[in-house]
Amino acid sequence: MRAGFFGKSYALGMNVTIDAQHSPEQEIRHVNECFINWLRNRGKKCKTLILAFVAPAESHAQIRDLAGQLMSQPLGMGDIINRLDITLVIINSATGESTEHDLKCRTTTHQ
């Protein structure tokens, strides 16, 4: 939490490890639950979302796709989600190299 010029805003950061016991599909469900709870609890004060995944290279494309789906799901909070600063960081578990992606939301405000 940080105090801004117009009051408080909130950030949520999640670090997820993908391996043989933790598939991208399984872990994105946990991320989704935390994301929805954060949106519901903080509402219009939500400002920044950072998702960091440590994963083998063969999972990186799937993680990008799942993160995009997470941001575009119809939650009825499109006005909030569309204003978020969202960063996806994917770290190669074998090499430690990372890539950073700015996610652009594609939600609508239709209920």
N, C-alpha and C. Protein backbone atom coordinates (compact mmCIF):
# COMPACT_ATOMS: atom_id res chain seq x y z
N MET A 1 0.85 -1.17 0.00
CA MET A 1 0.00 0.00 0.00
C MET A 1 0.89 1.23 0.00
N ARG A 2 0.48 2.22 -0.77
CA ARG A 2 1.22 3.47 -0.76
C ARG A 2 0.23 4.62 -0.80
N ALA A 3 0.60 5.69 -0.19
CA ALA A 3 -0.27 6.86 -0.19
C ALA A 3 0.08 7.71 -1.40
N GLY A 4 -0.88 7.93 -2.25
CA GLY A 4 -0.68 8.75 -3.43
C GLY A 4 -1.22 10.14 -3.22
N PHE A 5 -1.16 10.95 -4.23
CA PHE A 5 -1.64 12.32 -4.17
C PHE A 5 -3.11 12.37 -3.81
N PHE A 6 -3.90 11.44 -4.34
CA PHE A 6 -5.33 11.43 -4.09
C PHE A 6 -5.74 10.37 -3.07
N GLY A 7 -4.81 9.81 -2.34
CA GLY A 7 -5.15 8.81 -1.34
C GLY A 7 -4.39 7.52 -1.56
N LYS A 8 -4.89 6.48 -0.94
CA LYS A 8 -4.23 5.18 -0.99
C LYS A 8 -4.51 4.46 -2.30
N SER A 9 -3.52 3.69 -2.72
CA SER A 9 -3.70 2.74 -3.81
C SER A 9 -3.02 1.45 -3.40
N TYR A 10 -3.42 0.36 -4.02
CA TYR A 10 -2.94 -0.95 -3.60
C TYR A 10 -2.31 -1.70 -4.75
N ALA A 11 -1.28 -2.46 -4.40
CA ALA A 11 -0.61 -3.34 -5.34
C ALA A 11 -0.72 -4.77 -4.85
N LEU A 12 -0.73 -5.69 -5.79
CA LEU A 12 -0.72 -7.11 -5.47
C LEU A 12 0.39 -7.76 -6.26
N GLY A 13 1.25 -8.48 -5.59
CA GLY A 13 2.32 -9.21 -6.25
C GLY A 13 2.21 -10.68 -5.89
N MET A 14 2.35 -11.54 -6.89
CA MET A 14 2.31 -12.98 -6.65
C MET A 14 3.48 -13.64 -7.35
N ASN A 15 4.13 -14.56 -6.64
CA ASN A 15 5.24 -15.32 -7.18
C ASN A 15 4.81 -16.78 -7.23
N VAL A 16 4.91 -17.39 -8.41
CA VAL A 16 4.42 -18.75 -8.62
C VAL A 16 5.53 -19.58 -9.24
N THR A 17 5.68 -20.81 -8.75
CA THR A 17 6.65 -21.74 -9.32
C THR A 17 5.91 -22.86 -10.04
N ILE A 18 6.30 -23.06 -11.29
CA ILE A 18 5.74 -24.14 -12.11
C ILE A 18 6.79 -25.24 -12.19
N ASP A 19 6.38 -26.45 -11.86
CA ASP A 19 7.28 -27.60 -11.97
C ASP A 19 6.44 -28.85 -12.19
N ALA A 20 7.05 -30.02 -12.06
CA ALA A 20 6.34 -31.28 -12.33
C ALA A 20 5.13 -31.47 -11.42
N GLN A 21 5.16 -30.94 -10.21
CA GLN A 21 4.06 -31.10 -9.28
C GLN A 21 3.05 -29.95 -9.34
N HIS A 22 3.39 -28.87 -10.03
CA HIS A 22 2.54 -27.68 -10.06
C HIS A 22 2.39 -27.18 -11.50
N SER A 23 1.32 -27.59 -12.16
CA SER A 23 1.10 -27.23 -13.56
C SER A 23 0.63 -25.78 -13.67
N PRO A 24 0.82 -25.17 -14.85
CA PRO A 24 0.30 -23.81 -15.04
C PRO A 24 -1.20 -23.70 -14.80
N GLU A 25 -1.96 -24.69 -15.27
CA GLU A 25 -3.42 -24.64 -15.09
C GLU A 25 -3.80 -24.69 -13.62
N GLN A 26 -3.12 -25.54 -12.87
CA GLN A 26 -3.39 -25.68 -11.43
C GLN A 26 -3.05 -24.38 -10.69
N GLU A 27 -1.92 -23.82 -11.00
CA GLU A 27 -1.46 -22.63 -10.26
C GLU A 27 -2.22 -21.38 -10.64
N ILE A 28 -2.67 -21.28 -11.91
CA ILE A 28 -3.42 -20.08 -12.31
C ILE A 28 -4.75 -20.00 -11.57
N ARG A 29 -5.28 -21.13 -11.15
CA ARG A 29 -6.52 -21.11 -10.36
C ARG A 29 -6.29 -20.43 -9.01
N HIS A 30 -5.13 -20.69 -8.40
CA HIS A 30 -4.80 -20.03 -7.13
C HIS A 30 -4.58 -18.52 -7.35
N VAL A 31 -3.90 -18.20 -8.43
CA VAL A 31 -3.68 -16.79 -8.77
C VAL A 31 -5.02 -16.09 -8.98
N ASN A 32 -5.91 -16.73 -9.72
CA ASN A 32 -7.22 -16.16 -10.00
C ASN A 32 -8.00 -15.90 -8.71
N GLU A 33 -7.98 -16.84 -7.79
CA GLU A 33 -8.69 -16.66 -6.52
C GLU A 33 -8.17 -15.45 -5.76
N CYS A 34 -6.85 -15.32 -5.68
CA CYS A 34 -6.26 -14.16 -4.98
C CYS A 34 -6.59 -12.86 -5.71
N PHE A 35 -6.52 -12.89 -7.04
CA PHE A 35 -6.81 -11.71 -7.85
C PHE A 35 -8.23 -11.23 -7.63
N ILE A 36 -9.19 -12.14 -7.69
CA ILE A 36 -10.60 -11.77 -7.49
C ILE A 36 -10.83 -11.24 -6.08
N ASN A 37 -10.27 -11.90 -5.07
CA ASN A 37 -10.43 -11.41 -3.69
C ASN A 37 -9.85 -10.02 -3.53
N TRP A 38 -8.69 -9.76 -4.12
CA TRP A 38 -8.06 -8.45 -4.05
C TRP A 38 -8.95 -7.39 -4.69
N LEU A 39 -9.46 -7.70 -5.88
CA LEU A 39 -10.36 -6.74 -6.56
C LEU A 39 -11.60 -6.45 -5.73
N ARG A 40 -12.19 -7.49 -5.18
CA ARG A 40 -13.41 -7.30 -4.38
C ARG A 40 -13.15 -6.52 -3.10
N ASN A 41 -12.00 -6.78 -2.46
CA ASN A 41 -11.69 -6.12 -1.19
C ASN A 41 -11.20 -4.68 -1.37
N ARG A 42 -10.46 -4.41 -2.43
CA ARG A 42 -9.85 -3.09 -2.61
C ARG A 42 -10.55 -2.22 -3.65
N GLY A 43 -11.30 -2.86 -4.53
CA GLY A 43 -12.10 -2.11 -5.51
C GLY A 43 -11.31 -1.11 -6.32
N LYS A 44 -11.82 0.10 -6.39
CA LYS A 44 -11.23 1.14 -7.23
C LYS A 44 -9.87 1.61 -6.74
N LYS A 45 -9.43 1.16 -5.58
CA LYS A 45 -8.11 1.53 -5.08
C LYS A 45 -7.02 0.59 -5.58
N CYS A 46 -7.40 -0.46 -6.33
CA CYS A 46 -6.41 -1.37 -6.93
C CYS A 46 -5.65 -0.60 -8.00
N LYS A 47 -4.34 -0.71 -8.00
CA LYS A 47 -3.51 0.07 -8.93
C LYS A 47 -2.55 -0.80 -9.73
N THR A 48 -1.81 -1.69 -9.08
CA THR A 48 -0.72 -2.42 -9.73
C THR A 48 -0.81 -3.90 -9.43
N LEU A 49 -0.64 -4.71 -10.46
CA LEU A 49 -0.60 -6.16 -10.32
C LEU A 49 0.68 -6.67 -10.95
N ILE A 50 1.45 -7.43 -10.19
CA ILE A 50 2.67 -8.03 -10.71
C ILE A 50 2.58 -9.54 -10.49
N LEU A 51 2.67 -10.28 -11.59
CA LEU A 51 2.66 -11.73 -11.55
C LEU A 51 4.03 -12.22 -11.97
N ALA A 52 4.68 -12.99 -11.12
CA ALA A 52 6.00 -13.54 -11.44
C ALA A 52 5.93 -15.06 -11.42
N PHE A 53 6.32 -15.67 -12.51
CA PHE A 53 6.32 -17.12 -12.64
C PHE A 53 7.75 -17.60 -12.86
N VAL A 54 8.15 -18.60 -12.10
CA VAL A 54 9.40 -19.31 -12.34
C VAL A 54 8.99 -20.63 -12.96
N ALA A 55 9.46 -20.87 -14.20
CA ALA A 55 8.94 -22.02 -14.94
C ALA A 55 9.94 -22.48 -15.99
N PRO A 56 9.82 -23.76 -16.38
CA PRO A 56 10.63 -24.24 -17.49
C PRO A 56 10.23 -23.54 -18.80
N ALA A 57 11.16 -23.43 -19.72
CA ALA A 57 10.92 -22.69 -20.97
C ALA A 57 9.70 -23.20 -21.72
N GLU A 58 9.45 -24.49 -21.69
CA GLU A 58 8.33 -25.05 -22.45
C GLU A 58 6.96 -24.60 -21.91
N SER A 59 6.92 -23.99 -20.73
CA SER A 59 5.66 -23.51 -20.15
C SER A 59 5.41 -22.03 -20.38
N HIS A 60 6.38 -21.31 -20.90
CA HIS A 60 6.27 -19.85 -20.97
C HIS A 60 5.11 -19.37 -21.83
N ALA A 61 4.91 -19.94 -23.00
CA ALA A 61 3.81 -19.51 -23.88
C ALA A 61 2.46 -19.79 -23.21
N GLN A 62 2.34 -20.93 -22.58
CA GLN A 62 1.09 -21.27 -21.91
C GLN A 62 0.82 -20.30 -20.76
N ILE A 63 1.84 -19.92 -20.02
CA ILE A 63 1.69 -18.96 -18.92
C ILE A 63 1.21 -17.62 -19.45
N ARG A 64 1.79 -17.15 -20.55
CA ARG A 64 1.34 -15.88 -21.15
C ARG A 64 -0.12 -15.97 -21.57
N ASP A 65 -0.51 -17.09 -22.17
CA ASP A 65 -1.91 -17.26 -22.59
C ASP A 65 -2.85 -17.29 -21.39
N LEU A 66 -2.49 -18.04 -20.36
CA LEU A 66 -3.34 -18.14 -19.16
C LEU A 66 -3.45 -16.79 -18.45
N ALA A 67 -2.36 -16.05 -18.38
CA ALA A 67 -2.40 -14.73 -17.73
C ALA A 67 -3.31 -13.79 -18.52
N GLY A 68 -3.26 -13.86 -19.85
CA GLY A 68 -4.15 -13.05 -20.67
C GLY A 68 -5.60 -13.40 -20.45
N GLN A 69 -5.89 -14.69 -20.34
CA GLN A 69 -7.26 -15.13 -20.07
C GLN A 69 -7.73 -14.65 -18.70
N LEU A 70 -6.83 -14.69 -17.73
CA LEU A 70 -7.15 -14.23 -16.38
C LEU A 70 -7.59 -12.77 -16.40
N MET A 71 -6.90 -11.96 -17.18
CA MET A 71 -7.20 -10.53 -17.21
C MET A 71 -8.43 -10.20 -18.05
N SER A 72 -8.85 -11.11 -18.93
CA SER A 72 -9.98 -10.80 -19.80
C SER A 72 -11.27 -11.50 -19.40
N GLN A 73 -11.27 -12.17 -18.26
CA GLN A 73 -12.49 -12.87 -17.85
C GLN A 73 -13.58 -11.87 -17.44
N PRO A 74 -14.82 -12.20 -17.68
CA PRO A 74 -15.93 -11.29 -17.38
C PRO A 74 -16.29 -11.32 -15.89
N LEU A 75 -15.71 -10.40 -15.14
CA LEU A 75 -15.96 -10.34 -13.69
C LEU A 75 -16.92 -9.23 -13.30
N GLY A 76 -17.32 -8.41 -14.26
CA GLY A 76 -18.15 -7.27 -13.92
C GLY A 76 -17.36 -6.15 -13.26
N MET A 77 -16.03 -6.21 -13.36
CA MET A 77 -15.15 -5.18 -12.78
C MET A 77 -14.20 -4.65 -13.84
N GLY A 78 -14.65 -4.66 -15.09
CA GLY A 78 -13.81 -4.24 -16.20
C GLY A 78 -13.25 -2.85 -16.04
N ASP A 79 -14.03 -1.93 -15.47
CA ASP A 79 -13.54 -0.56 -15.29
C ASP A 79 -12.31 -0.53 -14.38
N ILE A 80 -12.28 -1.38 -13.36
CA ILE A 80 -11.13 -1.45 -12.45
C ILE A 80 -9.96 -2.16 -13.13
N ILE A 81 -10.23 -3.31 -13.73
CA ILE A 81 -9.18 -4.11 -14.35
C ILE A 81 -8.50 -3.34 -15.48
N ASN A 82 -9.27 -2.61 -16.27
CA ASN A 82 -8.71 -1.86 -17.40
C ASN A 82 -7.77 -0.75 -16.96
N ARG A 83 -7.89 -0.27 -15.74
CA ARG A 83 -7.01 0.79 -15.23
C ARG A 83 -5.74 0.25 -14.58
N LEU A 84 -5.67 -1.05 -14.33
CA LEU A 84 -4.53 -1.62 -13.63
C LEU A 84 -3.24 -1.53 -14.44
N ASP A 85 -2.14 -1.31 -13.75
CA ASP A 85 -0.81 -1.49 -14.32
C ASP A 85 -0.45 -2.94 -14.05
N ILE A 86 -0.35 -3.75 -15.10
CA ILE A 86 -0.16 -5.19 -14.94
C ILE A 86 1.15 -5.61 -15.59
N THR A 87 1.99 -6.26 -14.82
CA THR A 87 3.26 -6.77 -15.33
C THR A 87 3.33 -8.26 -15.08
N LEU A 88 3.69 -8.99 -16.12
CA LEU A 88 3.93 -10.42 -16.03
C LEU A 88 5.42 -10.65 -16.22
N VAL A 89 6.05 -11.29 -15.24
CA VAL A 89 7.46 -11.63 -15.32
C VAL A 89 7.56 -13.14 -15.37
N ILE A 90 8.28 -13.66 -16.35
CA ILE A 90 8.48 -15.10 -16.45
C ILE A 90 9.98 -15.37 -16.37
N ILE A 91 10.36 -16.16 -15.39
CA ILE A 91 11.76 -16.48 -15.15
C ILE A 91 12.00 -17.93 -15.55
N ASN A 92 12.98 -18.14 -16.40
CA ASN A 92 13.33 -19.48 -16.84
C ASN A 92 13.96 -20.22 -15.66
N SER A 93 13.35 -21.31 -15.26
CA SER A 93 13.83 -22.04 -14.08
C SER A 93 15.19 -22.69 -14.30
N ALA A 94 15.58 -22.92 -15.55
CA ALA A 94 16.87 -23.55 -15.83
C ALA A 94 18.01 -22.54 -15.91
N THR A 95 17.72 -21.37 -16.48
CA THR A 95 18.79 -20.39 -16.74
C THR A 95 18.74 -19.16 -15.84
N GLY A 96 17.58 -18.88 -15.26
CA GLY A 96 17.41 -17.67 -14.45
C GLY A 96 17.12 -16.43 -15.28
N GLU A 97 17.12 -16.56 -16.60
CA GLU A 97 16.79 -15.42 -17.46
C GLU A 97 15.32 -15.08 -17.32
N SER A 98 15.02 -13.79 -17.41
CA SER A 98 13.63 -13.37 -17.24
C SER A 98 13.17 -12.51 -18.40
N THR A 99 11.87 -12.57 -18.64
CA THR A 99 11.23 -11.68 -19.61
C THR A 99 10.08 -10.99 -18.89
N GLU A 100 9.86 -9.76 -19.27
CA GLU A 100 8.81 -8.95 -18.65
C GLU A 100 7.81 -8.55 -19.72
N HIS A 101 6.53 -8.69 -19.39
CA HIS A 101 5.45 -8.39 -20.34
C HIS A 101 4.45 -7.46 -19.66
N ASP A 102 4.08 -6.39 -20.35
CA ASP A 102 2.99 -5.54 -19.88
C ASP A 102 1.71 -6.13 -20.45
N LEU A 103 0.79 -6.48 -19.57
CA LEU A 103 -0.47 -7.06 -20.02
C LEU A 103 -1.48 -5.95 -20.23
N LYS A 104 -2.08 -5.94 -21.37
CA LYS A 104 -3.15 -5.00 -21.66
C LYS A 104 -4.47 -5.73 -21.49
N CYS A 105 -5.33 -5.20 -20.70
CA CYS A 105 -6.60 -5.84 -20.41
C CYS A 105 -7.56 -5.67 -21.59
N ARG A 106 -8.37 -6.70 -21.78
CA ARG A 106 -9.35 -6.68 -22.85
C ARG A 106 -10.75 -6.89 -22.29
N THR A 107 -10.97 -6.46 -21.09
CA THR A 107 -12.29 -6.67 -20.48
C THR A 107 -13.25 -5.58 -20.94
N THR A 108 -14.51 -5.90 -20.81
CA THR A 108 -15.55 -4.91 -21.08
C THR A 108 -16.32 -4.69 -19.80
N THR A 109 -17.05 -3.64 -19.76
CA THR A 109 -17.82 -3.33 -18.55
C THR A 109 -19.21 -3.93 -18.60
N HIS A 110 -19.52 -4.71 -19.64
CA HIS A 110 -20.84 -5.34 -19.72
C HIS A 110 -20.97 -6.38 -18.62
N GLN A 111 -22.15 -6.46 -18.04
CA GLN A 111 -22.39 -7.41 -16.94
C GLN A 111 -22.85 -8.73 -17.47
